[in-house]
Amino acid sequence: MHSYTKDLTGSGTTTAGCVIGRNEYMFLPKGDSFETTAADGTPRTISWDETLFWNVYYVKGGFLDSDKAFEVLIGTKTFEMRLLQKAVNTITLARVLDAHPDFNVSCPALPSSPNHDMCTKHMLLAVAGWFVYV
């Protein structure tokens, strides 16, 4: 699940989002079903009205209108800059609060964190204190 409202559009002027998953579990045409295997290995039939978004898709609509889609596309032009600034602000605030004796900060980019080694190994620029995923 991802909120386009907060990150991609950047302005908060539209409400949008997405959920990524297997189509069979999210949307099926009305009246359809499909056969699958449950986690315990038993066969299971999933009906269209058991899918995750059957009420959204059939009652409310599953797609963005042109105005909202346009706002999301326009917001993506400044996405990288805003995400980098958010990362810099986050690590700066974490360092300031971590230096204060009354705060307990859990942030993997801080050298005092038990997850710091994993952070520096798996995240680009983590040594510099930025949260930019590879």
Protein backbone atom coordinates (compact mmCIF):
# COMPACT_ATOMS: atom_id res chain seq x y z
CA MET A 1 0.00 0.00 0.00
CA HIS A 2 1.34 3.41 -0.91
CA SER A 3 -0.13 6.85 -0.42
CA TYR A 4 0.27 9.07 -3.46
CA THR A 5 -1.32 11.88 -1.48
CA LYS A 6 1.65 12.27 0.85
CA ASP A 7 4.63 11.42 -1.31
CA LEU A 8 4.05 11.53 -5.04
CA THR A 9 1.79 14.56 -5.40
CA GLY A 10 3.70 16.52 -2.80
CA SER A 11 1.07 19.20 -2.44
CA GLY A 12 -1.69 17.23 -0.70
CA THR A 13 -4.25 18.63 -3.15
CA THR A 14 -5.50 15.23 -4.25
CA THR A 15 -6.21 11.88 -2.64
CA ALA A 16 -4.73 8.90 -4.40
CA GLY A 17 -2.88 5.72 -3.62
CA CYS A 18 -2.12 2.25 -4.83
CA VAL A 19 -2.05 -1.30 -3.57
CA ILE A 20 0.25 -3.79 -5.27
CA GLY A 21 -0.58 -7.47 -5.18
CA ARG A 22 -1.69 -10.46 -7.23
CA ASN A 23 -4.64 -9.52 -9.39
CA GLU A 24 -6.62 -12.64 -8.43
CA TYR A 25 -6.68 -11.61 -4.78
CA MET A 26 -7.54 -7.99 -5.51
CA PHE A 27 -9.93 -7.79 -8.49
CA LEU A 28 -12.03 -10.40 -10.26
CA PRO A 29 -14.82 -9.76 -12.76
CA LYS A 30 -18.26 -9.93 -11.18
CA GLY A 31 -19.41 -13.52 -10.88
CA ASP A 32 -15.95 -15.06 -11.46
CA SER A 33 -13.91 -17.19 -9.10
CA PHE A 34 -10.51 -18.88 -9.16
CA GLU A 35 -8.92 -21.96 -7.66
CA THR A 36 -5.88 -21.59 -5.44
CA THR A 37 -4.04 -23.45 -2.72
CA ALA A 38 -4.33 -22.23 0.87
CA ALA A 39 -1.29 -21.87 3.13
CA ASP A 40 -1.95 -25.29 4.66
CA GLY A 41 -1.97 -26.94 1.19
CA THR A 42 -5.72 -27.46 0.85
CA PRO A 43 -7.46 -26.33 -2.33
CA ARG A 44 -9.54 -23.16 -2.01
CA THR A 45 -11.94 -21.30 -4.28
CA ILE A 46 -11.99 -17.51 -4.06
CA SER A 47 -15.10 -15.76 -5.33
CA TRP A 48 -15.17 -12.25 -6.82
CA ASP A 49 -16.89 -10.86 -3.73
CA GLU A 50 -14.09 -12.15 -1.48
CA THR A 51 -11.40 -10.17 -3.27
CA LEU A 52 -9.78 -7.24 -1.52
CA PHE A 53 -11.32 -4.43 -3.52
CA TRP A 54 -14.53 -5.79 -4.99
CA ASN A 55 -16.59 -3.07 -3.30
CA VAL A 56 -14.15 -0.30 -4.31
CA TYR A 57 -13.85 -1.50 -7.89
CA TYR A 58 -17.54 -2.10 -8.51
CA VAL A 59 -19.11 0.48 -6.22
CA LYS A 60 -16.67 3.41 -6.18
CA GLY A 61 -14.40 2.88 -9.20
CA GLY A 62 -10.84 1.58 -9.21
CA PHE A 63 -9.08 4.24 -11.27
CA LEU A 64 -8.00 7.86 -10.91
CA ASP A 65 -9.89 10.48 -12.83
CA SER A 66 -7.89 12.63 -15.25
CA ASP A 67 -7.48 15.57 -12.84
CA LYS A 68 -6.05 13.42 -10.04
CA ALA A 69 -3.81 11.51 -12.44
CA PHE A 70 -2.49 14.83 -13.76
CA GLU A 71 -1.71 16.08 -10.23
CA VAL A 72 0.15 12.84 -9.44
CA LEU A 73 2.21 13.16 -12.65
CA ILE A 74 3.05 16.80 -11.96
CA GLY A 75 4.10 15.91 -8.40
CA THR A 76 6.53 13.27 -9.60
CA LYS A 77 8.69 15.99 -11.16
CA THR A 78 9.83 17.16 -7.72
CA PHE A 79 9.59 13.76 -6.00
CA GLU A 80 13.34 13.04 -5.86
CA MET A 81 14.15 16.45 -4.39
CA ARG A 82 11.38 16.19 -1.78
CA LEU A 83 12.35 12.64 -0.79
CA LEU A 84 16.00 13.59 -0.35
CA GLN A 85 15.05 16.62 1.75
CA LYS A 86 12.78 14.42 3.88
CA ALA A 87 15.69 12.03 4.47
CA VAL A 88 18.06 14.84 5.43
CA ASN A 89 15.48 16.33 7.80
CA THR A 90 14.84 12.92 9.38
CA ILE A 91 18.47 12.16 10.15
CA THR A 92 19.10 15.72 11.37
CA LEU A 93 16.17 15.51 13.78
CA ALA A 94 17.23 12.01 14.91
CA ARG A 95 20.75 13.24 15.68
CA VAL A 96 19.51 16.30 17.59
CA LEU A 97 17.05 14.27 19.66
CA ASP A 98 19.59 11.49 20.25
CA ALA A 99 22.00 14.04 21.75
CA HIS A 100 19.37 15.05 24.32
CA PRO A 101 19.35 12.91 27.50
CA ASP A 102 15.54 12.90 27.82
CA PHE A 103 14.89 11.26 24.44
CA ASN A 104 15.31 7.65 23.34
CA VAL A 105 15.73 7.56 19.55
CA SER A 106 15.53 4.41 17.46
CA CYS A 107 17.03 5.19 14.06
CA PRO A 108 19.22 2.72 12.10
CA ALA A 109 21.29 5.54 10.58
CA LEU A 110 22.59 6.55 14.01
CA PRO A 111 25.91 4.92 14.89
CA SER A 112 24.52 3.94 18.32
CA SER A 113 21.79 1.80 16.74
CA PRO A 114 22.19 -2.00 16.77
CA ASN A 115 20.98 -1.97 13.14
CA HIS A 116 23.53 0.60 11.98
CA ASP A 117 25.75 -1.97 10.21
CA MET A 118 22.77 -3.33 8.27
CA CYS A 119 21.73 0.21 7.37
CA THR A 120 25.13 1.15 5.98
CA LYS A 121 25.37 -2.14 4.09
CA HIS A 122 21.96 -1.95 2.39
CA MET A 123 21.32 1.77 1.99
CA LEU A 124 23.09 4.10 -0.40
CA LEU A 125 24.53 7.16 1.38
CA ALA A 126 23.63 5.74 4.80
CA VAL A 127 27.12 6.56 6.04
CA ALA A 128 26.40 10.20 5.28
CA GLY A 129 23.19 9.84 7.23
CA TRP A 130 20.72 9.92 4.36
CA PHE A 131 17.96 7.37 3.92
CA VAL A 132 18.18 6.64 0.20
CA TYR A 133 17.34 3.04 -0.62
CA VAL A 134 19.33 1.24 -3.31
